[in-house]
N, C-alpha and C. Protein backbone atom coordinates (compact mmCIF):
# COMPACT_ATOMS: atom_id res chain seq x y z
N MET A 1 131.18 65.02 111.80
CA MET A 1 131.17 65.85 110.51
C MET A 1 130.31 67.42 110.59
N ARG A 2 130.82 68.13 110.04
CA ARG A 2 130.18 69.29 110.34
C ARG A 2 129.08 69.71 108.90
N GLU A 3 128.26 70.29 109.21
CA GLU A 3 127.44 70.57 107.85
C GLU A 3 127.75 71.80 107.45
N ASN A 4 127.39 71.79 106.25
CA ASN A 4 127.59 73.04 105.37
C ASN A 4 126.61 74.16 105.88
N PRO A 5 127.33 75.20 106.12
CA PRO A 5 126.49 76.60 106.86
C PRO A 5 125.20 76.84 106.00
N SER A 6 125.11 76.53 104.60
CA SER A 6 123.93 76.90 103.73
C SER A 6 122.78 75.63 104.22
N GLU A 7 123.34 74.55 104.33
CA GLU A 7 122.36 73.44 104.72
C GLU A 7 121.85 73.78 106.18
N THR A 8 122.70 74.24 107.16
CA THR A 8 122.26 74.40 108.14
C THR A 8 121.13 75.39 108.34
N ARG A 9 121.26 76.65 107.44
CA ARG A 9 120.45 77.54 107.48
C ARG A 9 118.99 77.06 106.67
N ILE A 10 119.10 76.15 105.75
CA ILE A 10 117.88 75.68 105.25
C ILE A 10 117.23 74.92 105.98
N ASP A 11 118.03 74.13 106.98
CA ASP A 11 117.36 73.24 107.89
C ASP A 11 116.58 74.11 109.21
N LEU A 12 117.27 74.96 109.54
CA LEU A 12 116.76 75.83 110.32
C LEU A 12 115.40 76.65 109.81
N ALA A 13 115.38 77.07 108.64
CA ALA A 13 114.28 77.66 108.02
C ALA A 13 113.16 76.91 108.03
N ASN A 14 113.40 75.68 107.46
CA ASN A 14 112.47 74.50 107.23
C ASN A 14 111.80 74.39 108.68
N ARG A 15 112.79 74.24 109.68
CA ARG A 15 111.92 73.95 110.89
C ARG A 15 111.08 75.20 111.36
N LEU A 16 111.65 76.28 111.13
CA LEU A 16 110.96 77.71 111.84
C LEU A 16 109.71 77.72 110.98
N PHE A 17 109.43 77.65 109.67
CA PHE A 17 108.44 77.63 108.96
C PHE A 17 107.22 76.50 109.44
N PHE A 18 107.86 75.41 109.50
CA PHE A 18 107.11 74.22 109.97
C PHE A 18 106.59 74.52 111.12
N ARG A 19 107.22 75.16 112.26
CA ARG A 19 106.75 75.53 113.52
C ARG A 19 105.52 76.59 113.28
N LEU A 20 105.90 77.60 112.67
CA LEU A 20 104.95 78.68 112.38
C LEU A 20 103.77 78.00 111.63
N TYR A 21 103.82 77.17 110.73
CA TYR A 21 102.43 76.37 110.30
C TYR A 21 101.85 75.84 111.14
N GLN A 22 102.58 75.03 111.96
CA GLN A 22 101.65 74.45 113.44
C GLN A 22 101.30 75.13 114.52
N CYS A 23 101.86 76.35 114.52
CA CYS A 23 101.37 77.56 115.37
C CYS A 23 100.08 78.06 114.89
N ALA A 24 100.03 78.29 113.55
CA ALA A 24 98.91 78.87 113.02
C ALA A 24 97.64 77.90 112.98
N ASN A 25 98.06 76.42 112.90
CA ASN A 25 96.64 75.76 112.94
C ASN A 25 96.38 75.45 114.45
N MET A 26 97.27 75.49 115.36
CA MET A 26 96.94 75.38 116.83
C MET A 26 96.13 76.39 117.32
N LEU A 27 96.61 77.67 116.93
CA LEU A 27 95.89 78.91 117.17
C LEU A 27 94.45 78.79 116.59
N HIS A 28 94.17 78.34 115.31
CA HIS A 28 92.96 78.26 114.62
C HIS A 28 92.05 77.19 115.60
N LYS A 29 92.65 76.16 115.99
CA LYS A 29 92.19 75.02 116.70
C LYS A 29 91.67 75.50 118.11
N THR A 30 92.62 75.91 118.84
CA THR A 30 92.49 76.19 120.28
C THR A 30 91.88 77.55 120.39
N GLY A 31 92.21 78.59 119.55
CA GLY A 31 91.53 79.83 119.68
C GLY A 31 90.03 79.90 119.56
N THR A 32 89.89 79.02 118.44
CA THR A 32 88.22 78.75 118.06
C THR A 32 87.51 78.11 119.15
N ARG A 33 88.12 77.08 120.03
CA ARG A 33 87.61 76.57 121.37
C ARG A 33 87.40 77.69 122.33
N ALA A 34 88.46 78.57 122.43
CA ALA A 34 88.37 79.48 123.26
C ALA A 34 87.07 80.41 123.42
N VAL A 35 86.50 80.60 122.07
CA VAL A 35 85.36 81.57 121.91
C VAL A 35 84.29 80.69 121.18
N GLU A 36 84.03 79.69 120.93
CA GLU A 36 83.09 78.88 120.26
C GLU A 36 81.67 79.12 121.03
N GLN A 37 81.70 79.24 122.35
CA GLN A 37 80.30 79.46 123.10
C GLN A 37 79.76 80.89 122.47
N GLU A 38 80.38 81.76 122.20
CA GLU A 38 80.12 82.97 121.54
C GLU A 38 79.84 82.78 120.20
N GLY A 39 79.76 81.82 119.57
CA GLY A 39 79.73 81.43 118.15
C GLY A 39 80.72 82.00 117.25
N LEU A 40 81.81 82.17 117.80
CA LEU A 40 82.75 82.79 116.85
C LEU A 40 83.94 81.69 116.51
N THR A 41 84.68 81.97 115.56
CA THR A 41 85.78 81.27 115.30
C THR A 41 87.15 82.27 115.19
N THR A 42 88.38 81.84 115.11
CA THR A 42 89.28 82.61 115.14
C THR A 42 89.26 83.69 114.06
N GLN A 43 88.83 83.30 112.70
CA GLN A 43 88.77 84.30 111.57
C GLN A 43 87.87 85.53 111.98
N GLN A 44 86.28 84.95 112.45
CA GLN A 44 85.43 85.86 113.24
C GLN A 44 86.17 87.02 114.38
N TRP A 45 86.76 86.27 115.04
CA TRP A 45 87.52 86.97 116.26
C TRP A 45 88.24 87.98 115.37
N ALA A 46 89.36 87.85 114.53
CA ALA A 46 90.03 88.73 113.84
C ALA A 46 89.09 89.89 113.33
N VAL A 47 88.02 89.31 112.58
CA VAL A 47 86.93 90.62 111.95
C VAL A 47 86.62 91.29 113.10
N LEU A 48 86.12 91.02 114.04
CA LEU A 48 85.55 91.74 115.11
C LEU A 48 86.74 92.67 115.58
N GLY A 49 87.92 92.12 116.01
CA GLY A 49 89.05 92.75 116.25
C GLY A 49 89.27 93.87 115.62
N ALA A 50 89.54 93.76 114.32
CA ALA A 50 89.74 94.88 113.19
C ALA A 50 88.72 95.85 113.20
N LEU A 51 87.20 95.37 113.34
CA LEU A 51 86.22 96.55 113.32
C LEU A 51 86.18 96.97 114.66
N SER A 52 86.80 96.54 115.64
CA SER A 52 86.62 97.54 117.07
C SER A 52 87.68 98.58 117.24
N ARG A 53 88.52 98.59 116.39
CA ARG A 53 89.41 99.57 116.68
C ARG A 53 88.95 100.78 116.15
N PRO A 54 89.34 102.22 116.86
CA PRO A 54 88.92 103.40 116.69
C PRO A 54 88.93 103.89 115.35
N ARG A 55 89.84 103.47 114.64
CA ARG A 55 89.90 104.03 113.35
C ARG A 55 88.80 103.27 112.31
N ALA A 56 88.08 102.33 112.84
CA ALA A 56 87.24 101.56 111.98
C ALA A 56 85.74 101.77 112.62
N ALA A 57 85.73 102.80 113.47
CA ALA A 57 84.42 103.08 114.02
C ALA A 57 83.29 103.28 113.10
N HIS A 58 83.54 103.66 111.76
CA HIS A 58 82.41 104.04 110.84
C HIS A 58 82.53 102.77 109.81
N GLY A 59 83.32 101.58 110.27
CA GLY A 59 83.38 100.54 109.40
C GLY A 59 84.60 100.64 108.39
N MET A 60 84.62 99.63 107.73
CA MET A 60 85.75 99.27 106.69
C MET A 60 85.36 98.83 105.55
N GLY A 61 85.58 99.14 104.45
CA GLY A 61 85.43 98.56 103.26
C GLY A 61 86.03 97.19 103.12
N ILE A 62 85.27 96.60 102.39
CA ILE A 62 85.47 95.07 102.04
C ILE A 62 87.17 94.80 101.61
N GLY A 63 87.36 95.42 100.83
CA GLY A 63 88.73 95.53 100.30
C GLY A 63 89.80 95.78 101.34
N GLU A 64 89.36 97.02 102.00
CA GLU A 64 90.29 97.47 103.16
C GLU A 64 90.34 96.30 104.34
N LEU A 65 89.34 95.89 104.37
CA LEU A 65 89.31 94.65 105.65
C LEU A 65 90.02 93.51 105.17
N ALA A 66 90.01 92.91 103.76
CA ALA A 66 90.71 92.01 103.36
C ALA A 66 92.26 92.22 103.41
N ARG A 67 92.57 93.41 103.05
CA ARG A 67 94.07 93.68 102.99
C ARG A 67 94.67 93.88 104.36
N TYR A 68 93.94 94.49 105.44
CA TYR A 68 94.24 94.61 106.74
C TYR A 68 94.38 93.05 107.40
N LEU A 69 93.76 92.21 107.17
CA LEU A 69 93.54 90.88 107.61
C LEU A 69 94.28 89.98 106.66
N MET A 70 94.78 90.32 105.59
CA MET A 70 95.86 89.64 104.61
C MET A 70 94.97 88.52 104.06
N VAL A 71 93.83 88.59 103.77
CA VAL A 71 93.06 87.24 103.41
C VAL A 71 92.33 87.71 101.92
N SER A 72 92.21 86.80 101.13
CA SER A 72 91.39 87.07 99.76
C SER A 72 90.22 87.60 100.26
N ARG A 73 89.55 88.52 99.02
CA ARG A 73 88.19 89.05 99.29
C ARG A 73 87.18 87.86 99.25
N GLN A 74 87.57 86.97 98.35
CA GLN A 74 86.51 85.68 98.42
C GLN A 74 86.42 84.95 99.53
N ASN A 75 87.60 84.58 100.32
CA ASN A 75 87.31 84.11 101.77
C ASN A 75 86.66 84.98 102.55
N LEU A 76 87.11 86.10 102.50
CA LEU A 76 86.44 87.24 103.45
C LEU A 76 84.74 87.38 103.19
N SER A 77 84.38 87.40 102.00
CA SER A 77 83.12 87.39 101.58
C SER A 77 82.22 86.47 102.33
N GLY A 78 82.48 85.24 102.12
CA GLY A 78 81.77 83.99 103.03
C GLY A 78 81.77 84.18 104.47
N LEU A 79 82.85 84.63 105.02
CA LEU A 79 82.99 84.89 106.28
C LEU A 79 82.13 85.94 106.51
N ILE A 80 82.00 86.92 106.00
CA ILE A 80 81.27 88.11 106.67
C ILE A 80 79.77 87.87 106.20
N GLY A 81 79.37 86.89 105.24
CA GLY A 81 77.95 86.56 105.14
C GLY A 81 77.64 85.73 106.43
N ARG A 82 78.48 84.88 106.69
CA ARG A 82 77.99 83.96 108.17
C ARG A 82 77.87 84.97 109.22
N MET A 83 78.80 85.86 109.45
CA MET A 83 78.88 87.05 110.54
C MET A 83 77.53 87.83 110.37
N GLU A 84 77.19 88.24 109.18
CA GLU A 84 75.92 89.02 108.89
C GLU A 84 74.87 88.12 109.16
N ARG A 85 74.66 86.89 108.86
CA ARG A 85 73.58 86.12 109.11
C ARG A 85 73.45 85.90 110.86
N ASP A 86 74.46 85.62 111.53
CA ASP A 86 74.54 85.76 113.05
C ASP A 86 74.29 87.09 113.69
N GLY A 87 74.24 88.09 112.89
CA GLY A 87 73.83 89.27 113.58
C GLY A 87 75.16 89.89 113.90
N ASN A 88 76.34 89.70 113.76
CA ASN A 88 77.54 90.28 114.28
C ASN A 88 78.17 91.65 113.63
N VAL A 89 77.75 91.64 112.28
CA VAL A 89 78.07 92.55 111.44
C VAL A 89 76.92 93.03 110.48
N ARG A 90 77.15 94.23 109.87
CA ARG A 90 76.19 94.30 108.68
C ARG A 90 77.01 95.00 107.70
N ILE A 91 76.59 95.00 106.47
CA ILE A 91 76.99 95.56 105.27
C ILE A 91 76.04 97.03 104.84
N VAL A 92 76.68 98.01 104.99
CA VAL A 92 75.94 99.17 104.68
C VAL A 92 76.76 100.17 103.51
N PRO A 93 75.95 100.66 102.64
CA PRO A 93 76.47 101.60 101.81
C PRO A 93 77.51 102.49 102.25
N ASP A 94 78.66 103.00 101.53
CA ASP A 94 79.60 104.06 102.07
C ASP A 94 78.89 105.19 101.74
N GLY A 95 78.61 106.09 103.04
CA GLY A 95 78.06 107.36 102.69
C GLY A 95 78.99 108.29 101.66
N ARG A 96 80.18 108.14 101.72
CA ARG A 96 81.07 108.84 100.57
C ARG A 96 81.03 108.32 99.08
N ASP A 97 80.66 106.97 99.09
CA ASP A 97 80.84 106.52 97.81
C ASP A 97 79.67 105.36 97.65
N ARG A 98 78.39 105.86 97.23
CA ARG A 98 77.60 104.82 97.50
C ARG A 98 77.66 103.26 96.43
N ARG A 99 78.59 103.31 96.01
CA ARG A 99 78.97 102.10 94.87
C ARG A 99 79.72 101.14 95.95
N SER A 100 80.46 101.74 96.83
CA SER A 100 81.11 100.84 98.01
C SER A 100 80.37 100.51 99.00
N ARG A 101 80.70 99.54 99.75
CA ARG A 101 79.93 98.97 100.88
C ARG A 101 81.06 98.93 101.98
N LEU A 102 80.37 99.13 103.22
CA LEU A 102 81.36 98.97 104.46
C LEU A 102 80.67 97.84 105.10
N VAL A 103 81.62 97.42 106.11
CA VAL A 103 81.29 96.35 107.01
C VAL A 103 81.37 97.05 108.30
N THR A 104 80.31 97.09 108.93
CA THR A 104 80.37 97.45 110.43
C THR A 104 79.91 96.55 111.57
N MET A 105 80.22 96.79 112.66
CA MET A 105 80.08 95.97 113.63
C MET A 105 78.50 96.21 114.39
N THR A 106 77.72 95.42 114.53
CA THR A 106 76.29 95.60 115.01
C THR A 106 76.29 95.90 116.58
N GLU A 107 75.32 96.07 116.94
CA GLU A 107 75.31 96.15 118.47
C GLU A 107 75.38 94.94 119.28
N HIS A 108 74.65 93.99 118.53
CA HIS A 108 75.01 92.74 119.04
C HIS A 108 76.51 92.16 118.75
N GLY A 109 77.03 92.41 117.77
CA GLY A 109 78.40 91.96 117.56
C GLY A 109 79.48 92.63 118.67
N ARG A 110 78.90 94.05 119.06
CA ARG A 110 79.70 94.64 119.91
C ARG A 110 79.70 94.08 121.35
N GLN A 111 78.24 93.63 121.74
CA GLN A 111 78.06 92.90 122.89
C GLN A 111 78.85 91.71 122.96
N VAL A 112 79.08 90.93 121.87
CA VAL A 112 79.54 89.73 121.84
C VAL A 112 81.11 90.02 121.91
N TRP A 113 81.66 90.82 121.49
CA TRP A 113 83.01 91.15 121.40
C TRP A 113 83.59 91.55 122.60
N GLU A 114 83.06 92.65 123.21
CA GLU A 114 83.36 93.33 124.20
C GLU A 114 82.89 92.66 125.57
N VAL A 115 81.85 91.99 125.83
CA VAL A 115 81.31 91.53 126.83
C VAL A 115 81.57 90.02 127.10
N GLN A 116 81.21 89.59 125.84
CA GLN A 116 81.30 87.77 126.11
C GLN A 116 82.77 87.23 125.57
N ALA A 117 83.25 87.89 124.46
CA ALA A 117 84.63 87.09 124.11
C ALA A 117 85.67 87.92 124.77
N GLN A 118 85.75 89.10 124.89
CA GLN A 118 87.06 89.49 125.34
C GLN A 118 87.60 88.87 126.81
N PRO A 119 86.83 88.56 127.68
CA PRO A 119 87.46 88.01 128.83
C PRO A 119 87.78 86.64 128.51
N LYS A 120 87.29 85.90 127.62
CA LYS A 120 87.93 84.46 127.18
C LYS A 120 89.06 84.80 126.28
N ILE A 121 89.10 85.65 125.53
CA ILE A 121 90.51 85.98 124.88
C ILE A 121 91.34 86.28 125.86
N ARG A 122 91.37 87.09 126.81
CA ARG A 122 92.48 87.54 127.46
C ARG A 122 92.97 86.08 128.69
N ALA A 123 91.83 85.37 128.76
CA ALA A 123 92.41 84.05 129.42
C ALA A 123 93.06 83.30 128.64
N TYR A 124 92.90 83.26 127.29
CA TYR A 124 93.35 82.39 126.51
C TYR A 124 94.73 82.85 126.21
N TYR A 125 94.90 84.33 126.18
CA TYR A 125 96.28 84.85 126.00
C TYR A 125 97.22 84.28 127.25
N GLU A 126 96.63 84.41 128.43
CA GLU A 126 97.45 84.20 129.48
C GLU A 126 97.57 82.85 129.68
N ARG A 127 96.99 81.87 129.03
CA ARG A 127 97.27 80.42 129.08
C ARG A 127 98.29 80.25 128.15
N ILE A 128 98.31 80.92 127.01
CA ILE A 128 99.36 80.56 126.05
C ILE A 128 100.65 81.39 126.06
N LEU A 129 100.42 82.41 126.70
CA LEU A 129 101.62 83.47 127.08
C LEU A 129 102.31 83.63 128.27
N GLY A 130 101.53 82.94 129.30
CA GLY A 130 101.86 82.86 130.75
C GLY A 130 103.11 82.75 131.18
N ASP A 131 104.03 81.99 130.15
CA ASP A 131 105.50 81.75 130.54
C ASP A 131 106.40 82.73 130.05
N PHE A 132 105.69 83.51 129.25
CA PHE A 132 106.75 84.68 128.51
C PHE A 132 106.75 85.94 129.19
N SER A 133 107.80 86.18 129.32
CA SER A 133 108.22 87.61 129.93
C SER A 133 107.99 88.80 128.98
N VAL A 134 107.69 90.06 129.30
CA VAL A 134 107.39 91.02 128.55
C VAL A 134 108.46 91.26 127.30
N ASN A 135 109.65 91.01 127.66
CA ASN A 135 110.73 91.01 126.80
C ASN A 135 110.51 89.85 125.77
N ASP A 136 110.14 88.50 126.41
CA ASP A 136 109.93 87.58 125.35
C ASP A 136 109.02 87.75 124.28
N MET A 137 107.94 88.68 124.52
CA MET A 137 106.74 88.83 123.90
C MET A 137 107.26 89.92 122.95
N THR A 138 108.04 90.93 123.54
CA THR A 138 108.50 91.93 122.40
C THR A 138 109.46 91.38 121.67
N HIS A 139 110.31 90.39 121.75
CA HIS A 139 111.27 90.15 120.42
C HIS A 139 110.52 89.08 119.77
N THR A 140 109.68 88.32 120.19
CA THR A 140 108.70 87.63 119.20
C THR A 140 108.05 88.18 118.33
N LEU A 141 107.27 89.39 118.80
CA LEU A 141 106.87 90.26 117.74
C LEU A 141 107.66 91.02 116.83
N HIS A 142 108.66 91.44 117.40
CA HIS A 142 109.62 91.94 116.61
C HIS A 142 109.89 91.04 115.33
N TYR A 143 110.33 89.86 115.56
CA TYR A 143 110.75 88.98 114.56
C TYR A 143 109.54 88.45 113.77
N LEU A 144 108.34 88.51 114.13
CA LEU A 144 107.23 87.92 113.41
C LEU A 144 106.97 89.24 112.38
N LEU A 145 107.13 90.39 113.15
CA LEU A 145 107.03 91.66 112.11
C LEU A 145 108.03 91.51 111.10
N LYS A 146 108.97 91.19 111.30
CA LYS A 146 110.27 91.20 110.25
C LYS A 146 109.85 90.24 109.34
N MET A 147 109.44 89.14 109.85
CA MET A 147 109.12 87.85 108.82
C MET A 147 108.01 88.47 108.05
N LEU A 148 106.90 88.96 108.61
CA LEU A 148 105.90 89.53 107.64
C LEU A 148 106.25 90.52 106.89
N ASP A 149 107.09 91.38 107.18
CA ASP A 149 107.67 92.57 106.35
C ASP A 149 108.06 91.84 104.97
N SER A 150 108.93 90.82 105.20
CA SER A 150 109.68 89.99 103.85
C SER A 150 108.62 89.48 103.04
N MET A 151 107.56 88.74 103.83
CA MET A 151 106.59 88.39 103.02
C MET A 151 105.81 89.27 102.17
N GLN A 152 105.58 90.41 102.87
CA GLN A 152 104.80 91.42 102.10
C GLN A 152 105.49 92.08 100.80
N ARG A 153 106.72 92.10 100.99
CA ARG A 153 107.59 92.33 99.90
C ARG A 153 107.70 91.45 98.84
N LEU A 154 107.76 90.19 99.28
CA LEU A 154 108.02 88.97 98.07
C LEU A 154 106.40 89.13 97.35
N ASP A 155 105.30 89.17 98.08
CA ASP A 155 103.96 89.20 97.57
C ASP A 155 103.77 90.43 96.57
N ALA A 156 104.38 91.61 97.15
CA ALA A 156 104.33 92.64 96.14
C ALA A 156 105.15 92.47 94.79
N GLU A 157 106.24 92.10 94.92
CA GLU A 157 107.11 91.68 93.81
C GLU A 157 106.38 90.59 92.87
N THR A 158 105.88 89.42 93.41
CA THR A 158 105.46 88.49 92.60
C THR A 158 104.11 88.90 92.05
N GLN A 159 103.40 89.60 92.81
CA GLN A 159 102.15 90.29 92.15
C GLN A 159 102.37 91.20 91.16
N GLY A 160 103.45 92.12 91.31
CA GLY A 160 104.09 92.90 90.07
C GLY A 160 104.34 92.17 88.81
N SER A 161 105.27 91.16 89.13
CA SER A 161 105.49 90.34 88.00
C SER A 161 104.50 89.49 87.61
N ALA A 162 103.51 89.13 87.96
CA ALA A 162 102.20 88.57 87.53
C ALA A 162 101.48 89.33 86.75
N ASP A 163 101.15 90.66 87.15
CA ASP A 163 100.56 91.73 86.53
C ASP A 163 101.18 92.08 85.05
N SER A 164 102.63 92.12 85.14
CA SER A 164 103.32 92.51 84.12
C SER A 164 103.17 91.44 83.05
N GLU A 165 103.35 89.97 83.57
CA GLU A 165 103.10 89.06 82.64
C GLU A 165 101.85 88.80 81.93
N ALA A 166 100.83 89.35 82.85
CA ALA A 166 99.47 89.31 82.28
C ALA A 166 99.18 90.29 81.08
N SER A 167 99.82 91.67 81.32
CA SER A 167 99.86 92.54 80.34
C SER A 167 100.62 92.41 78.80
N ASP A 168 101.70 91.41 79.19
CA ASP A 168 102.43 91.20 77.96
C ASP A 168 101.72 89.98 77.13
N ALA A 169 100.69 89.28 77.67
CA ALA A 169 99.94 88.39 76.96
C ALA A 169 99.11 88.70 75.99
C-alpha cells in the first residue's frame, strides 16, 4: 500500500526536524565537552566567535549580538554576566551613544579564544566532519541556510502579527 505523498512529506519533515533537534542537543553536549577545560560552553563559544570577527573589533551592542546569535536578550544577558565574571568579556559604554553598551572581548578572553579554544574547536570540527567532503559540507550549509531563511521569515511574520494584535487591543 502506497502512502499519501502529503503524509510522506509530513513524515520526512518530522524526521528532519527531530534529527535537527537531536543535532542541536548533541552539539551543546559534545561541543561543551570539547572546550570545558577553557571554562567555556557552546553558548560562550558562540559569543566569543561573534566578538572575534573583524567587524566586531570594537564590540557589539547587546541587542545586535542577540540578533546575530538569534537568542533572546534575556538569555544573552545572563550568559554575558557569567562571561564578564570569568574575565572573557566586558561591557563598556558605546562611544557614539553613551546610553548604549557594547560587549567587547577582553585580552584574557582573546587568549582563551585564540590560543586555548581554537585548537580544540578545530579538532572537534575534524572529528564531527571528518567523513564529510567539501561538497557534503557545502550542500549541508546550503540547506541549513535555506531552512534558517524560512524560519526567519516565519518569525518576522508572526512577530508582525503579534505586534498588530497588541496595538489593536
